[in-house]
Amino acid sequence: MSEQPVPVTTLLDDEAFLGTYQPDIWVFVQRSLIIGFLTAVVFGPLIGLPPEYWLPIMGFTTVFSAFIFDDYTSWLNHRADVWHLTSLRLIYENGNAPEQNAAVNLADIHATQRKLYKNLRLDLETGQSVLMKYLTNPRAIERDIDIARLALMGTIADEADIPTAEEANS
């Protein structure tokens, strides 16, 4: 397994490094296969094809969605994304486009929300949002960010005080 990249952004004196998150190619491949499978299962019966033709339809729609709908360009744009979580900020770095590097103060994150198929959206206090794409375990990343946010605001004493997703939504 490859080593986690070190932040290029200089950490502040009182800032602790908590973790690094990157997109995973296998999440992208799984997503493409699921789109192909669902398309084959839905459209196969609709156009009256027997099940033995669904696998070729799945293969075709997987390739079709990846290349015709430009899904592969989304992967190419996000494959170099690196997110570093610290005790004060969430730092975004992109090795292919360093001019896009940015940091968001944890206090400026209003909410985190898992989105369809392994994406995580961060809603900011300014009304903008940031999308972390193709994550292996967005639930764990969401929890890490929420723990760091709550610890920064001083609203939790320990991890047992962190509300579960069900408690937060009620």
C-alpha atoms as a PDB file:
ATOM      1  CA  MET A   1       0.000   0.000   0.000  1.00  0.00           C
ATOM      2  CA  SER A   2       1.286   3.478  -0.820  1.00  0.00           C
ATOM      3  CA  GLU A   3       2.367   5.941   1.828  1.00  0.00           C
ATOM      4  CA  GLN A   4       0.078   8.862   2.689  1.00  0.00           C
ATOM      5  CA  PRO A   5       1.259  12.195   1.260  1.00  0.00           C
ATOM      6  CA  VAL A   6       2.551  14.840   3.645  1.00  0.00           C
ATOM      7  CA  PRO A   7       0.797  18.235   3.571  1.00  0.00           C
ATOM      8  CA  VAL A   8       2.447  20.817   1.344  1.00  0.00           C
ATOM      9  CA  THR A   9       0.631  23.548   3.245  1.00  0.00           C
ATOM     10  CA  THR A  10       2.556  24.668   6.324  1.00  0.00           C
ATOM     11  CA  LEU A  11       0.765  23.797   9.550  1.00  0.00           C
ATOM     12  CA  LEU A  12       0.239  26.484  12.164  1.00  0.00           C
ATOM     13  CA  ASP A  13       2.158  26.333  15.456  1.00  0.00           C
ATOM     14  CA  ASP A  14      -0.804  25.065  17.488  1.00  0.00           C
ATOM     15  CA  GLU A  15      -2.253  22.854  14.745  1.00  0.00           C
ATOM     16  CA  ALA A  16      -2.222  19.056  15.063  1.00  0.00           C
ATOM     17  CA  PHE A  17      -2.292  16.770  12.017  1.00  0.00           C
ATOM     18  CA  LEU A  18      -5.201  14.284  12.248  1.00  0.00           C
ATOM     19  CA  GLY A  19      -5.402  12.437   8.937  1.00  0.00           C
ATOM     20  CA  THR A  20      -5.194  12.334   5.147  1.00  0.00           C
ATOM     21  CA  TYR A  21      -7.913  11.272   2.699  1.00  0.00           C
ATOM     22  CA  GLN A  22      -7.670  10.586  -1.034  1.00  0.00           C
ATOM     23  CA  PRO A  23      -9.955   9.337  -3.812  1.00  0.00           C
ATOM     24  CA  ASP A  24      -9.755   5.636  -4.649  1.00  0.00           C
ATOM     25  CA  ILE A  25      -9.794   4.311  -8.236  1.00  0.00           C
ATOM     26  CA  TRP A  26     -11.716   1.218  -7.126  1.00  0.00           C
ATOM     27  CA  VAL A  27     -14.582   3.366  -5.866  1.00  0.00           C
ATOM     28  CA  PHE A  28     -14.769   4.938  -9.335  1.00  0.00           C
ATOM     29  CA  VAL A  29     -14.696   1.495 -11.012  1.00  0.00           C
ATOM     30  CA  GLN A  30     -17.405   0.147  -8.672  1.00  0.00           C
ATOM     31  CA  ARG A  31     -19.577   3.176  -9.383  1.00  0.00           C
ATOM     32  CA  SER A  32     -19.234   2.646 -13.141  1.00  0.00           C
ATOM     33  CA  LEU A  33     -20.091  -1.049 -12.825  1.00  0.00           C
ATOM     34  CA  ILE A  34     -23.129  -0.300 -10.663  1.00  0.00           C
ATOM     35  CA  ILE A  35     -24.388   2.217 -13.232  1.00  0.00           C
ATOM     36  CA  GLY A  36     -23.927  -0.400 -15.955  1.00  0.00           C
ATOM     37  CA  PHE A  37     -25.650  -3.104 -13.914  1.00  0.00           C
ATOM     38  CA  LEU A  38     -28.639  -0.930 -13.019  1.00  0.00           C
ATOM     39  CA  THR A  39     -29.005   0.203 -16.618  1.00  0.00           C
ATOM     40  CA  ALA A  40     -28.937  -3.402 -17.855  1.00  0.00           C
ATOM     41  CA  VAL A  41     -31.461  -4.548 -15.237  1.00  0.00           C
ATOM     42  CA  VAL A  42     -33.834  -1.657 -15.991  1.00  0.00           C
ATOM     43  CA  PHE A  43     -33.546  -1.423 -19.760  1.00  0.00           C
ATOM     44  CA  GLY A  44     -33.088  -5.150 -20.510  1.00  0.00           C
ATOM     45  CA  PRO A  45     -36.677  -6.046 -19.605  1.00  0.00           C
ATOM     46  CA  LEU A  46     -38.025  -2.767 -21.004  1.00  0.00           C
ATOM     47  CA  ILE A  47     -36.761  -3.529 -24.490  1.00  0.00           C
ATOM     48  CA  GLY A  48     -37.700  -7.185 -24.177  1.00  0.00           C
ATOM     49  CA  LEU A  49     -34.271  -8.810 -24.104  1.00  0.00           C
ATOM     50  CA  PRO A  50     -33.753 -12.093 -22.247  1.00  0.00           C
ATOM     51  CA  PRO A  51     -31.391 -12.068 -19.211  1.00  0.00           C
ATOM     52  CA  GLU A  52     -28.488 -13.617 -21.164  1.00  0.00           C
ATOM     53  CA  TYR A  53     -28.168 -10.327 -23.069  1.00  0.00           C
ATOM     54  CA  TRP A  54     -28.055  -8.188 -19.938  1.00  0.00           C
ATOM     55  CA  LEU A  55     -24.331  -8.759 -19.294  1.00  0.00           C
ATOM     56  CA  PRO A  56     -23.318  -7.332 -22.685  1.00  0.00           C
ATOM     57  CA  ILE A  57     -25.704  -4.418 -22.056  1.00  0.00           C
ATOM     58  CA  MET A  58     -24.054  -3.905 -18.657  1.00  0.00           C
ATOM     59  CA  GLY A  59     -20.600  -3.832 -20.248  1.00  0.00           C
ATOM     60  CA  PHE A  60     -21.740  -1.460 -22.975  1.00  0.00           C
ATOM     61  CA  THR A  61     -23.492   0.944 -20.588  1.00  0.00           C
ATOM     62  CA  THR A  62     -20.508   0.913 -18.221  1.00  0.00           C
ATOM     63  CA  VAL A  63     -18.184   1.951 -21.037  1.00  0.00           C
ATOM     64  CA  PHE A  64     -20.834   4.292 -22.462  1.00  0.00           C
ATOM     65  CA  SER A  65     -21.365   6.117 -19.167  1.00  0.00           C
ATOM     66  CA  ALA A  66     -17.645   6.306 -18.426  1.00  0.00           C
ATOM     67  CA  PHE A  67     -16.596   7.706 -21.796  1.00  0.00           C
ATOM     68  CA  ILE A  68     -19.645   9.277 -23.417  1.00  0.00           C
ATOM     69  CA  PHE A  69     -20.940  10.983 -20.260  1.00  0.00           C
ATOM     70  CA  ASP A  70     -17.359  12.009 -19.332  1.00  0.00           C
ATOM     71  CA  ASP A  71     -17.287  10.154 -16.008  1.00  0.00           C
ATOM     72  CA  TYR A  72     -13.659   9.304 -16.658  1.00  0.00           C
ATOM     73  CA  THR A  73     -12.779  13.020 -16.824  1.00  0.00           C
ATOM     74  CA  SER A  74     -14.303  13.435 -13.373  1.00  0.00           C
ATOM     75  CA  TRP A  75     -11.933  10.742 -12.121  1.00  0.00           C
ATOM     76  CA  LEU A  76      -8.987  12.368 -13.917  1.00  0.00           C
ATOM     77  CA  ASN A  77      -9.849  15.724 -12.325  1.00  0.00           C
ATOM     78  CA  HIS A  78     -10.136  14.294  -8.802  1.00  0.00           C
ATOM     79  CA  ARG A  79      -7.522  11.533  -8.710  1.00  0.00           C
ATOM     80  CA  ALA A  80      -4.827  13.905  -7.393  1.00  0.00           C
ATOM     81  CA  ASP A  81      -7.076  15.362  -4.676  1.00  0.00           C
ATOM     82  CA  VAL A  82      -5.626  15.102  -1.184  1.00  0.00           C
ATOM     83  CA  TRP A  83      -7.494  16.237   1.927  1.00  0.00           C
ATOM     84  CA  HIS A  84      -5.567  16.775   5.153  1.00  0.00           C
ATOM     85  CA  LEU A  85      -7.539  17.097   8.373  1.00  0.00           C
ATOM     86  CA  THR A  86      -5.936  19.045  11.185  1.00  0.00           C
ATOM     87  CA  SER A  87      -7.207  20.234  14.534  1.00  0.00           C
ATOM     88  CA  LEU A  88      -8.045  23.635  13.000  1.00  0.00           C
ATOM     89  CA  ARG A  89      -8.540  23.177   9.248  1.00  0.00           C
ATOM     90  CA  LEU A  90      -9.401  20.874   6.390  1.00  0.00           C
ATOM     91  CA  ILE A  91      -6.681  21.429   3.807  1.00  0.00           C
ATOM     92  CA  TYR A  92      -7.257  20.616   0.120  1.00  0.00           C
ATOM     93  CA  GLU A  93      -4.248  19.984  -2.092  1.00  0.00           C
ATOM     94  CA  ASN A  94      -4.065  18.874  -5.706  1.00  0.00           C
ATOM     95  CA  GLY A  95      -0.696  17.800  -7.087  1.00  0.00           C
ATOM     96  CA  ASN A  96      -1.826  18.357 -10.685  1.00  0.00           C
ATOM     97  CA  ALA A  97      -3.184  21.862 -10.033  1.00  0.00           C
ATOM     98  CA  PRO A  98      -1.404  23.435  -7.045  1.00  0.00           C
ATOM     99  CA  GLU A  99      -3.096  26.766  -7.770  1.00  0.00           C
ATOM    100  CA  GLN A 100      -6.328  25.160  -6.487  1.00  0.00           C
ATOM    101  CA  ASN A 101      -4.876  24.355  -3.063  1.00  0.00           C
ATOM    102  CA  ALA A 102      -7.040  25.780  -0.306  1.00  0.00           C
ATOM    103  CA  ALA A 103      -7.944  25.400   3.341  1.00  0.00           C
ATOM    104  CA  VAL A 104     -11.236  25.652   5.192  1.00  0.00           C
ATOM    105  CA  ASN A 105     -11.368  26.435   8.884  1.00  0.00           C
ATOM    106  CA  LEU A 106     -13.262  23.710  10.720  1.00  0.00           C
ATOM    107  CA  ALA A 107     -15.346  26.414  12.390  1.00  0.00           C
ATOM    108  CA  ASP A 108     -16.574  27.447   8.918  1.00  0.00           C
ATOM    109  CA  ILE A 109     -18.027  23.993   8.186  1.00  0.00           C
ATOM    110  CA  HIS A 110     -21.740  24.123   8.934  1.00  0.00           C
ATOM    111  CA  ALA A 111     -22.560  20.464   8.238  1.00  0.00           C
ATOM    112  CA  THR A 112     -21.264  17.283   6.640  1.00  0.00           C
ATOM    113  CA  GLN A 113     -23.436  14.992   4.569  1.00  0.00           C
ATOM    114  CA  ARG A 114     -22.719  11.736   2.759  1.00  0.00           C
ATOM    115  CA  LYS A 115     -23.915  11.861  -0.826  1.00  0.00           C
ATOM    116  CA  LEU A 116     -24.773   9.198  -3.354  1.00  0.00           C
ATOM    117  CA  TYR A 117     -22.079   6.586  -3.764  1.00  0.00           C
ATOM    118  CA  LYS A 118     -19.104   7.413  -1.604  1.00  0.00           C
ATOM    119  CA  ASN A 119     -19.009  11.195  -1.805  1.00  0.00           C
ATOM    120  CA  LEU A 120     -19.015  13.594   1.117  1.00  0.00           C
ATOM    121  CA  ARG A 121     -20.402  17.128   0.940  1.00  0.00           C
ATOM    122  CA  LEU A 122     -19.235  19.825   3.322  1.00  0.00           C
ATOM    123  CA  ASP A 123     -21.651  22.718   3.715  1.00  0.00           C
ATOM    124  CA  LEU A 124     -19.912  25.936   4.660  1.00  0.00           C
ATOM    125  CA  GLU A 125     -21.258  28.844   6.715  1.00  0.00           C
ATOM    126  CA  THR A 126     -20.985  31.045   3.599  1.00  0.00           C
ATOM    127  CA  GLY A 127     -23.641  28.943   1.838  1.00  0.00           C
ATOM    128  CA  GLN A 128     -21.109  27.269  -0.443  1.00  0.00           C
ATOM    129  CA  SER A 129     -20.372  23.567  -0.406  1.00  0.00           C
ATOM    130  CA  VAL A 130     -17.364  21.392  -1.134  1.00  0.00           C
ATOM    131  CA  LEU A 131     -17.568  17.833  -2.452  1.00  0.00           C
ATOM    132  CA  MET A 132     -15.017  15.169  -1.556  1.00  0.00           C
ATOM    133  CA  LYS A 133     -15.358  12.500  -4.273  1.00  0.00           C
ATOM    134  CA  TYR A 134     -14.608   8.762  -4.618  1.00  0.00           C
ATOM    135  CA  LEU A 135     -13.877   8.115  -0.945  1.00  0.00           C
ATOM    136  CA  THR A 136     -13.326   4.600   0.334  1.00  0.00           C
ATOM    137  CA  ASN A 137     -15.088   5.197   3.651  1.00  0.00           C
ATOM    138  CA  PRO A 138     -16.993   8.502   3.692  1.00  0.00           C
ATOM    139  CA  ARG A 139     -18.769   7.615   6.945  1.00  0.00           C
ATOM    140  CA  ALA A 140     -15.460   7.414   8.838  1.00  0.00           C
ATOM    141  CA  ILE A 141     -14.206  10.617   7.205  1.00  0.00           C
ATOM    142  CA  GLU A 142     -17.436  12.409   8.090  1.00  0.00           C
ATOM    143  CA  ARG A 143     -17.063  11.240  11.684  1.00  0.00           C
ATOM    144  CA  ASP A 144     -13.418  12.364  11.824  1.00  0.00           C
ATOM    145  CA  ILE A 145     -14.344  15.826  10.552  1.00  0.00           C
ATOM    146  CA  ASP A 146     -17.281  16.093  12.943  1.00  0.00           C
ATOM    147  CA  ILE A 147     -15.118  15.023  15.899  1.00  0.00           C
ATOM    148  CA  ALA A 148     -12.481  17.627  14.996  1.00  0.00           C
ATOM    149  CA  ARG A 149     -15.155  20.336  14.531  1.00  0.00           C
ATOM    150  CA  LEU A 150     -16.839  19.591  17.845  1.00  0.00           C
ATOM    151  CA  ALA A 151     -13.500  19.397  19.671  1.00  0.00           C
ATOM    152  CA  LEU A 152     -12.485  22.776  18.212  1.00  0.00           C
ATOM    153  CA  MET A 153     -15.740  24.336  19.393  1.00  0.00           C
ATOM    154  CA  GLY A 154     -15.265  22.762  22.821  1.00  0.00           C
ATOM    155  CA  THR A 155     -18.660  21.051  22.749  1.00  0.00           C
ATOM    156  CA  ILE A 156     -17.393  17.544  23.462  1.00  0.00           C
ATOM    157  CA  ALA A 157     -15.395  16.189  26.328  1.00  0.00           C
ATOM    158  CA  ASP A 158     -14.643  12.836  24.724  1.00  0.00           C
ATOM    159  CA  GLU A 159     -15.668  10.644  21.787  1.00  0.00           C
ATOM    160  CA  ALA A 160     -18.625   9.241  23.751  1.00  0.00           C
ATOM    161  CA  ASP A 161     -20.283  12.694  23.560  1.00  0.00           C
ATOM    162  CA  ILE A 162     -20.361  12.638  19.761  1.00  0.00           C
ATOM    163  CA  PRO A 163     -23.901  12.233  18.429  1.00  0.00           C
ATOM    164  CA  THR A 164     -24.545   9.371  16.029  1.00  0.00           C
ATOM    165  CA  ALA A 165     -25.983  10.142  12.584  1.00  0.00           C
ATOM    166  CA  GLU A 166     -29.444   9.090  13.787  1.00  0.00           C
ATOM    167  CA  GLU A 167     -29.253  11.405  16.812  1.00  0.00           C
ATOM    168  CA  ALA A 168     -28.021  14.311  14.702  1.00  0.00           C
ATOM    169  CA  ASN A 169     -30.869  13.893  12.196  1.00  0.00           C
ATOM    170  CA  SER A 170     -33.615  13.731  14.838  1.00  0.00           C
END
